[in-house]
Amino acid sequence: MIGVLIAKALARRSYDAINRGDVVHFMANWSEDARLTYPGNLSVSGTKTGKAEIEAWFRHFKEAIPTRTFRPITISVSNIFDFLGNNVISVQWDNRPINSKGEEFYIRGATISRARWGKITDSITYVFDYQQLPRLWGEEALDVVPKK
């Protein structure tokens, strides 16, 4: 049960770091060879591999969407008896971001992350309101889905 409490606390602290724009603190929980997958057909969509590439993605995210107010609604873990930091953490969230143009949005989604030895190794985000993503990011949708 202690593993659940630790995983949930880390997830909440990660979303707090995203909201503050604290990329360094946020990236402390990622493994060197992690993967991040983001939905859509934008320049930011697809899979980013490696801590440096993921950190660059989050820095761009912070610039394109300067106000983020992620609120974890539900946090679930797959292994309630985990003591080693090996788990799958699912977070359903909502967000009221404001993009660099000053436009306000309401976005809902879920992020599923796999952790090994306390570090995120793989994270996939699903956005329920995906049709808002081009306006949110301030870019046109691409004609094709980017390569993974």
N, C-alpha and C. Protein backbone atom coordinates (compact mmCIF):
# COMPACT_ATOMS: atom_id res chain seq x y z
N MET A 1 0.80 -1.19 0.00
CA MET A 1 0.00 0.00 0.00
C MET A 1 0.86 1.27 0.00
N ILE A 2 2.06 1.18 0.59
CA ILE A 2 2.94 2.35 0.62
C ILE A 2 3.36 2.75 -0.79
N GLY A 3 3.50 1.74 -1.68
CA GLY A 3 3.87 2.02 -3.06
C GLY A 3 2.82 2.89 -3.76
N VAL A 4 1.56 2.67 -3.45
CA VAL A 4 0.47 3.46 -4.03
C VAL A 4 0.60 4.91 -3.57
N LEU A 5 0.83 5.11 -2.30
CA LEU A 5 0.95 6.47 -1.76
C LEU A 5 2.13 7.21 -2.39
N ILE A 6 3.25 6.51 -2.55
CA ILE A 6 4.44 7.13 -3.15
C ILE A 6 4.17 7.48 -4.61
N ALA A 7 3.59 6.54 -5.37
CA ALA A 7 3.31 6.78 -6.80
C ALA A 7 2.34 7.94 -6.98
N LYS A 8 1.31 7.98 -6.17
CA LYS A 8 0.33 9.07 -6.28
C LYS A 8 0.95 10.41 -5.91
N ALA A 9 1.78 10.44 -4.89
CA ALA A 9 2.44 11.69 -4.49
C ALA A 9 3.38 12.17 -5.59
N LEU A 10 4.13 11.25 -6.21
CA LEU A 10 5.02 11.63 -7.30
C LEU A 10 4.23 12.16 -8.49
N ALA A 11 3.10 11.55 -8.80
CA ALA A 11 2.27 12.02 -9.91
C ALA A 11 1.77 13.43 -9.63
N ARG A 12 1.27 13.66 -8.42
CA ARG A 12 0.77 15.01 -8.07
C ARG A 12 1.90 16.04 -8.15
N ARG A 13 3.08 15.69 -7.63
CA ARG A 13 4.21 16.63 -7.69
C ARG A 13 4.63 16.90 -9.13
N SER A 14 4.52 15.89 -10.00
CA SER A 14 4.87 16.09 -11.41
C SER A 14 3.92 17.09 -12.07
N TYR A 15 2.63 16.96 -11.80
CA TYR A 15 1.67 17.90 -12.38
C TYR A 15 1.85 19.30 -11.78
N ASP A 16 2.20 19.38 -10.51
CA ASP A 16 2.49 20.69 -9.91
C ASP A 16 3.69 21.33 -10.62
N ALA A 17 4.72 20.53 -10.91
CA ALA A 17 5.91 21.04 -11.60
C ALA A 17 5.56 21.52 -13.01
N ILE A 18 4.72 20.78 -13.71
CA ILE A 18 4.28 21.20 -15.05
C ILE A 18 3.56 22.54 -14.95
N ASN A 19 2.66 22.65 -14.00
CA ASN A 19 1.89 23.90 -13.84
C ASN A 19 2.80 25.09 -13.54
N ARG A 20 3.86 24.87 -12.76
CA ARG A 20 4.81 25.94 -12.44
C ARG A 20 5.78 26.21 -13.59
N GLY A 21 5.85 25.28 -14.54
CA GLY A 21 6.82 25.42 -15.62
C GLY A 21 8.22 25.00 -15.19
N ASP A 22 8.31 24.20 -14.14
CA ASP A 22 9.59 23.74 -13.59
C ASP A 22 10.02 22.47 -14.31
N VAL A 23 10.63 22.66 -15.48
CA VAL A 23 11.02 21.53 -16.32
C VAL A 23 12.09 20.68 -15.64
N VAL A 24 13.02 21.31 -14.95
CA VAL A 24 14.11 20.58 -14.30
C VAL A 24 13.55 19.61 -13.25
N HIS A 25 12.67 20.10 -12.39
CA HIS A 25 12.07 19.24 -11.36
C HIS A 25 11.23 18.14 -12.02
N PHE A 26 10.47 18.51 -13.03
CA PHE A 26 9.64 17.52 -13.71
C PHE A 26 10.49 16.42 -14.34
N MET A 27 11.59 16.78 -14.99
CA MET A 27 12.42 15.80 -15.70
C MET A 27 13.23 14.92 -14.75
N ALA A 28 13.33 15.28 -13.49
CA ALA A 28 14.07 14.46 -12.53
C ALA A 28 13.47 13.07 -12.38
N ASN A 29 12.21 12.92 -12.73
CA ASN A 29 11.51 11.63 -12.58
C ASN A 29 11.54 10.78 -13.85
N TRP A 30 12.33 11.16 -14.86
CA TRP A 30 12.36 10.44 -16.13
C TRP A 30 13.68 9.68 -16.29
N SER A 31 13.61 8.49 -16.87
CA SER A 31 14.84 7.73 -17.16
C SER A 31 15.51 8.31 -18.40
N GLU A 32 16.79 8.01 -18.56
CA GLU A 32 17.57 8.55 -19.68
C GLU A 32 17.03 8.10 -21.04
N ASP A 33 16.48 6.89 -21.11
CA ASP A 33 16.00 6.35 -22.39
C ASP A 33 14.47 6.31 -22.48
N ALA A 34 13.82 7.20 -21.76
CA ALA A 34 12.36 7.23 -21.71
C ALA A 34 11.76 7.59 -23.08
N ARG A 35 10.46 7.27 -23.21
CA ARG A 35 9.69 7.65 -24.41
C ARG A 35 8.45 8.42 -23.97
N LEU A 36 8.12 9.45 -24.75
CA LEU A 36 6.91 10.25 -24.53
C LEU A 36 6.13 10.26 -25.83
N THR A 37 4.86 9.89 -25.77
CA THR A 37 4.01 9.89 -26.96
C THR A 37 2.86 10.87 -26.73
N TYR A 38 2.70 11.79 -27.70
CA TYR A 38 1.68 12.83 -27.62
C TYR A 38 0.78 12.71 -28.85
N PRO A 39 -0.54 12.89 -28.69
CA PRO A 39 -1.47 12.64 -29.79
C PRO A 39 -1.52 13.75 -30.84
N GLY A 40 -2.21 13.44 -31.90
CA GLY A 40 -2.52 14.45 -32.91
C GLY A 40 -1.64 14.36 -34.14
N ASN A 41 -1.80 15.35 -35.00
CA ASN A 41 -1.01 15.45 -36.22
C ASN A 41 -0.41 16.85 -36.32
N LEU A 42 0.29 17.22 -35.25
CA LEU A 42 0.96 18.51 -35.16
C LEU A 42 2.47 18.27 -35.15
N SER A 43 3.23 19.33 -35.19
CA SER A 43 4.68 19.18 -35.13
C SER A 43 5.13 18.59 -33.80
N VAL A 44 4.33 18.74 -32.75
CA VAL A 44 4.67 18.24 -31.42
C VAL A 44 4.15 16.83 -31.18
N SER A 45 3.41 16.28 -32.13
CA SER A 45 2.80 14.95 -31.98
C SER A 45 3.82 13.86 -32.27
N GLY A 46 3.48 12.66 -31.83
CA GLY A 46 4.34 11.51 -32.09
C GLY A 46 5.10 11.12 -30.85
N THR A 47 6.16 10.33 -31.04
CA THR A 47 6.94 9.81 -29.93
C THR A 47 8.31 10.48 -29.87
N LYS A 48 8.64 10.99 -28.71
CA LYS A 48 9.96 11.55 -28.44
C LYS A 48 10.71 10.53 -27.59
N THR A 49 11.98 10.30 -27.93
CA THR A 49 12.77 9.28 -27.25
C THR A 49 14.01 9.89 -26.63
N GLY A 50 14.26 9.55 -25.38
CA GLY A 50 15.43 10.04 -24.66
C GLY A 50 15.09 11.26 -23.84
N LYS A 51 15.75 11.35 -22.70
CA LYS A 51 15.47 12.43 -21.75
C LYS A 51 15.71 13.81 -22.36
N ALA A 52 16.75 13.97 -23.16
CA ALA A 52 17.05 15.29 -23.75
C ALA A 52 15.95 15.71 -24.72
N GLU A 53 15.47 14.79 -25.54
CA GLU A 53 14.41 15.11 -26.50
C GLU A 53 13.10 15.43 -25.79
N ILE A 54 12.81 14.68 -24.73
CA ILE A 54 11.58 14.92 -23.96
C ILE A 54 11.67 16.26 -23.23
N GLU A 55 12.83 16.57 -22.68
CA GLU A 55 13.00 17.85 -22.00
C GLU A 55 12.81 19.02 -22.98
N ALA A 56 13.34 18.89 -24.20
CA ALA A 56 13.15 19.92 -25.22
C ALA A 56 11.67 20.08 -25.55
N TRP A 57 10.95 18.95 -25.61
CA TRP A 57 9.50 18.99 -25.88
C TRP A 57 8.79 19.78 -24.79
N PHE A 58 9.12 19.50 -23.53
CA PHE A 58 8.46 20.20 -22.43
C PHE A 58 8.82 21.68 -22.39
N ARG A 59 10.03 22.03 -22.76
CA ARG A 59 10.40 23.45 -22.82
C ARG A 59 9.57 24.17 -23.89
N HIS A 60 9.38 23.51 -25.03
CA HIS A 60 8.53 24.08 -26.08
C HIS A 60 7.08 24.19 -25.59
N PHE A 61 6.60 23.15 -24.91
CA PHE A 61 5.26 23.14 -24.34
C PHE A 61 5.06 24.34 -23.42
N LYS A 62 6.04 24.62 -22.57
CA LYS A 62 5.99 25.73 -21.63
C LYS A 62 5.90 27.07 -22.35
N GLU A 63 6.61 27.21 -23.47
CA GLU A 63 6.59 28.45 -24.24
C GLU A 63 5.28 28.62 -25.02
N ALA A 64 4.82 27.54 -25.65
CA ALA A 64 3.61 27.61 -26.48
C ALA A 64 2.35 27.76 -25.63
N ILE A 65 2.39 27.20 -24.42
CA ILE A 65 1.23 27.21 -23.53
C ILE A 65 1.72 27.71 -22.17
N PRO A 66 1.89 29.02 -22.03
CA PRO A 66 2.52 29.56 -20.82
C PRO A 66 1.70 29.41 -19.54
N THR A 67 0.39 29.25 -19.65
CA THR A 67 -0.43 29.03 -18.46
C THR A 67 -1.05 27.64 -18.55
N ARG A 68 -0.70 26.81 -17.56
CA ARG A 68 -1.22 25.44 -17.48
C ARG A 68 -1.78 25.24 -16.07
N THR A 69 -2.95 24.64 -15.99
CA THR A 69 -3.55 24.38 -14.68
C THR A 69 -4.06 22.94 -14.64
N PHE A 70 -3.15 22.01 -14.85
CA PHE A 70 -3.52 20.60 -14.79
C PHE A 70 -4.05 20.28 -13.40
N ARG A 71 -5.13 19.50 -13.39
CA ARG A 71 -5.71 19.04 -12.13
C ARG A 71 -5.93 17.54 -12.25
N PRO A 72 -5.11 16.74 -11.56
CA PRO A 72 -5.35 15.30 -11.57
C PRO A 72 -6.70 14.99 -10.93
N ILE A 73 -7.53 14.27 -11.65
CA ILE A 73 -8.86 13.91 -11.14
C ILE A 73 -8.81 12.54 -10.48
N THR A 74 -8.21 11.58 -11.20
CA THR A 74 -8.08 10.22 -10.70
C THR A 74 -6.65 9.75 -10.97
N ILE A 75 -6.02 9.18 -9.95
CA ILE A 75 -4.69 8.59 -10.11
C ILE A 75 -4.81 7.13 -9.69
N SER A 76 -4.43 6.23 -10.60
CA SER A 76 -4.51 4.79 -10.32
C SER A 76 -3.15 4.16 -10.58
N VAL A 77 -2.84 3.13 -9.82
CA VAL A 77 -1.61 2.38 -10.05
C VAL A 77 -1.95 0.91 -10.22
N SER A 78 -1.16 0.21 -11.02
CA SER A 78 -1.48 -1.19 -11.32
C SER A 78 -1.03 -2.16 -10.24
N ASN A 79 0.04 -1.84 -9.52
CA ASN A 79 0.57 -2.77 -8.53
C ASN A 79 0.58 -2.08 -7.16
N ILE A 80 -0.44 -2.37 -6.36
CA ILE A 80 -0.57 -1.68 -5.07
C ILE A 80 0.48 -2.13 -4.06
N PHE A 81 1.16 -3.25 -4.34
CA PHE A 81 2.17 -3.76 -3.41
C PHE A 81 3.59 -3.41 -3.83
N ASP A 82 3.74 -2.56 -4.81
CA ASP A 82 5.06 -2.20 -5.32
C ASP A 82 5.87 -1.43 -4.27
N PHE A 83 7.12 -1.86 -4.08
CA PHE A 83 8.05 -1.16 -3.20
C PHE A 83 9.30 -0.72 -3.94
N LEU A 84 9.43 -1.12 -5.21
CA LEU A 84 10.65 -0.87 -5.96
C LEU A 84 10.52 0.26 -6.98
N GLY A 85 9.32 0.82 -7.13
CA GLY A 85 9.12 1.86 -8.12
C GLY A 85 8.87 1.32 -9.51
N ASN A 86 8.40 0.07 -9.60
CA ASN A 86 8.06 -0.54 -10.88
C ASN A 86 6.54 -0.62 -10.96
N ASN A 87 5.94 0.24 -11.76
CA ASN A 87 4.49 0.33 -11.76
C ASN A 87 3.98 0.99 -13.03
N VAL A 88 2.68 0.93 -13.20
CA VAL A 88 1.99 1.68 -14.25
C VAL A 88 1.07 2.65 -13.53
N ILE A 89 1.20 3.93 -13.86
CA ILE A 89 0.44 4.98 -13.20
C ILE A 89 -0.46 5.63 -14.24
N SER A 90 -1.75 5.65 -13.97
CA SER A 90 -2.73 6.26 -14.88
C SER A 90 -3.32 7.49 -14.20
N VAL A 91 -3.29 8.61 -14.93
CA VAL A 91 -3.84 9.85 -14.38
C VAL A 91 -4.87 10.41 -15.35
N GLN A 92 -6.10 10.54 -14.87
CA GLN A 92 -7.11 11.28 -15.62
C GLN A 92 -7.03 12.71 -15.13
N TRP A 93 -6.99 13.67 -16.05
CA TRP A 93 -6.78 15.06 -15.67
C TRP A 93 -7.66 15.99 -16.48
N ASP A 94 -7.77 17.21 -15.97
CA ASP A 94 -8.31 18.30 -16.77
C ASP A 94 -7.35 19.47 -16.66
N ASN A 95 -7.48 20.41 -17.58
CA ASN A 95 -6.53 21.51 -17.67
C ASN A 95 -7.28 22.71 -18.26
N ARG A 96 -6.99 23.87 -17.74
CA ARG A 96 -7.54 25.12 -18.28
C ARG A 96 -6.37 25.99 -18.75
N PRO A 97 -5.75 25.58 -19.86
CA PRO A 97 -4.56 26.31 -20.32
C PRO A 97 -4.92 27.59 -21.05
N ILE A 98 -3.92 28.47 -21.10
CA ILE A 98 -3.98 29.69 -21.91
C ILE A 98 -2.75 29.66 -22.80
N ASN A 99 -2.96 29.72 -24.11
CA ASN A 99 -1.82 29.63 -25.02
C ASN A 99 -1.11 30.97 -25.16
N SER A 100 -0.07 31.00 -25.98
CA SER A 100 0.75 32.21 -26.13
C SER A 100 -0.01 33.37 -26.78
N LYS A 101 -1.17 33.08 -27.40
CA LYS A 101 -2.00 34.13 -27.99
C LYS A 101 -3.02 34.67 -26.98
N GLY A 102 -3.04 34.10 -25.78
CA GLY A 102 -3.98 34.54 -24.76
C GLY A 102 -5.33 33.85 -24.82
N GLU A 103 -5.46 32.82 -25.67
CA GLU A 103 -6.73 32.09 -25.79
C GLU A 103 -6.86 31.08 -24.66
N GLU A 104 -8.05 31.01 -24.07
CA GLU A 104 -8.32 30.08 -22.98
C GLU A 104 -9.01 28.83 -23.50
N PHE A 105 -8.68 27.68 -22.90
CA PHE A 105 -9.22 26.38 -23.31
C PHE A 105 -9.61 25.57 -22.08
N TYR A 106 -10.42 24.55 -22.35
CA TYR A 106 -10.69 23.51 -21.35
C TYR A 106 -10.39 22.20 -22.03
N ILE A 107 -9.37 21.50 -21.54
CA ILE A 107 -8.89 20.26 -22.15
C ILE A 107 -8.95 19.15 -21.10
N ARG A 108 -9.40 17.97 -21.53
CA ARG A 108 -9.44 16.80 -20.65
C ARG A 108 -8.64 15.68 -21.28
N GLY A 109 -8.07 14.83 -20.45
CA GLY A 109 -7.31 13.72 -21.01
C GLY A 109 -6.86 12.74 -19.94
N ALA A 110 -5.99 11.84 -20.37
CA ALA A 110 -5.41 10.84 -19.47
C ALA A 110 -3.99 10.56 -19.92
N THR A 111 -3.14 10.30 -18.96
CA THR A 111 -1.76 9.95 -19.24
C THR A 111 -1.45 8.64 -18.52
N ILE A 112 -0.91 7.70 -19.28
CA ILE A 112 -0.53 6.40 -18.74
C ILE A 112 1.00 6.34 -18.78
N SER A 113 1.61 6.13 -17.63
CA SER A 113 3.07 6.11 -17.55
C SER A 113 3.55 4.81 -16.90
N ARG A 114 4.63 4.28 -17.45
CA ARG A 114 5.26 3.10 -16.89
C ARG A 114 6.53 3.56 -16.17
N ALA A 115 6.70 3.12 -14.93
CA ALA A 115 7.88 3.47 -14.15
C ALA A 115 8.69 2.21 -13.84
N ARG A 116 9.98 2.38 -13.88
CA ARG A 116 10.91 1.30 -13.52
C ARG A 116 11.95 1.90 -12.59
N TRP A 117 12.09 1.31 -11.41
CA TRP A 117 13.03 1.80 -10.39
C TRP A 117 12.77 3.28 -10.07
N GLY A 118 11.50 3.69 -10.09
CA GLY A 118 11.12 5.03 -9.70
C GLY A 118 11.25 6.09 -10.77
N LYS A 119 11.63 5.70 -11.99
CA LYS A 119 11.78 6.66 -13.09
C LYS A 119 10.81 6.29 -14.22
N ILE A 120 10.22 7.29 -14.85
CA ILE A 120 9.31 7.05 -15.96
C ILE A 120 10.10 6.56 -17.16
N THR A 121 9.66 5.45 -17.73
CA THR A 121 10.31 4.90 -18.91
C THR A 121 9.47 5.06 -20.16
N ASP A 122 8.17 5.20 -19.99
CA ASP A 122 7.27 5.32 -21.14
C ASP A 122 6.01 6.06 -20.67
N SER A 123 5.59 7.04 -21.45
CA SER A 123 4.40 7.82 -21.09
C SER A 123 3.61 8.15 -22.35
N ILE A 124 2.33 7.86 -22.30
CA ILE A 124 1.44 8.13 -23.43
C ILE A 124 0.30 9.01 -22.94
N THR A 125 0.07 10.11 -23.66
CA THR A 125 -1.02 11.02 -23.31
C THR A 125 -2.15 10.88 -24.32
N TYR A 126 -3.36 10.82 -23.82
CA TYR A 126 -4.57 10.80 -24.64
C TYR A 126 -5.34 12.07 -24.31
N VAL A 127 -5.73 12.81 -25.33
CA VAL A 127 -6.49 14.04 -25.12
C VAL A 127 -7.89 13.81 -25.65
N PHE A 128 -8.88 13.94 -24.78
CA PHE A 128 -10.27 13.70 -25.18
C PHE A 128 -10.76 14.79 -26.13
N ASP A 129 -10.28 16.01 -25.95
CA ASP A 129 -10.71 17.15 -26.75
C ASP A 129 -9.66 17.48 -27.82
N TYR A 130 -9.20 16.44 -28.51
CA TYR A 130 -8.08 16.56 -29.45
C TYR A 130 -8.31 17.57 -30.56
N GLN A 131 -9.56 17.84 -30.91
CA GLN A 131 -9.83 18.80 -31.99
C GLN A 131 -9.40 20.22 -31.61
N GLN A 132 -9.16 20.49 -30.34
CA GLN A 132 -8.71 21.80 -29.90
C GLN A 132 -7.18 21.96 -29.96
N LEU A 133 -6.47 20.86 -30.16
CA LEU A 133 -5.02 20.90 -30.08
C LEU A 133 -4.36 21.87 -31.08
N PRO A 134 -4.77 21.93 -32.35
CA PRO A 134 -4.12 22.89 -33.25
C PRO A 134 -4.21 24.34 -32.75
N ARG A 135 -5.38 24.76 -32.29
CA ARG A 135 -5.53 26.13 -31.77
C ARG A 135 -4.75 26.32 -30.48
N LEU A 136 -4.79 25.30 -29.61
CA LEU A 136 -4.05 25.39 -28.35
C LEU A 136 -2.57 25.61 -28.59
N TRP A 137 -2.00 24.83 -29.51
CA TRP A 137 -0.57 24.92 -29.80
C TRP A 137 -0.25 26.07 -30.76
N GLY A 138 -1.26 26.66 -31.37
CA GLY A 138 -1.03 27.77 -32.28
C GLY A 138 -0.40 27.35 -33.59
N GLU A 139 -0.84 26.20 -34.11
CA GLU A 139 -0.29 25.73 -35.38
C GLU A 139 -1.34 24.97 -36.18
N GLU A 140 -1.08 24.83 -37.43
CA GLU A 140 -1.97 24.08 -38.31
C GLU A 140 -1.67 22.59 -38.20
N ALA A 141 -2.72 21.78 -38.34
CA ALA A 141 -2.52 20.33 -38.34
C ALA A 141 -1.77 19.92 -39.60
N LEU A 142 -0.92 18.93 -39.47
CA LEU A 142 -0.17 18.40 -40.61
C LEU A 142 -1.08 17.49 -41.43
N ASP A 143 -0.74 17.31 -42.70
CA ASP A 143 -1.53 16.43 -43.56
C ASP A 143 -1.36 14.97 -43.20
N VAL A 144 -0.22 14.62 -42.64
CA VAL A 144 0.05 13.23 -42.27
C VAL A 144 0.44 13.17 -40.80
N VAL A 145 0.27 12.01 -40.23
CA VAL A 145 0.68 11.81 -38.85
C VAL A 145 2.20 11.66 -38.83
N PRO A 146 2.89 12.36 -37.89
CA PRO A 146 4.36 12.26 -37.83
C PRO A 146 4.82 10.84 -37.55
N LYS A 147 6.04 10.53 -37.96
CA LYS A 147 6.63 9.21 -37.69
C LYS A 147 6.85 9.04 -36.21
N LYS A 148 6.77 7.80 -35.77
CA LYS A 148 6.99 7.50 -34.35
C LYS A 148 8.45 7.35 -34.07
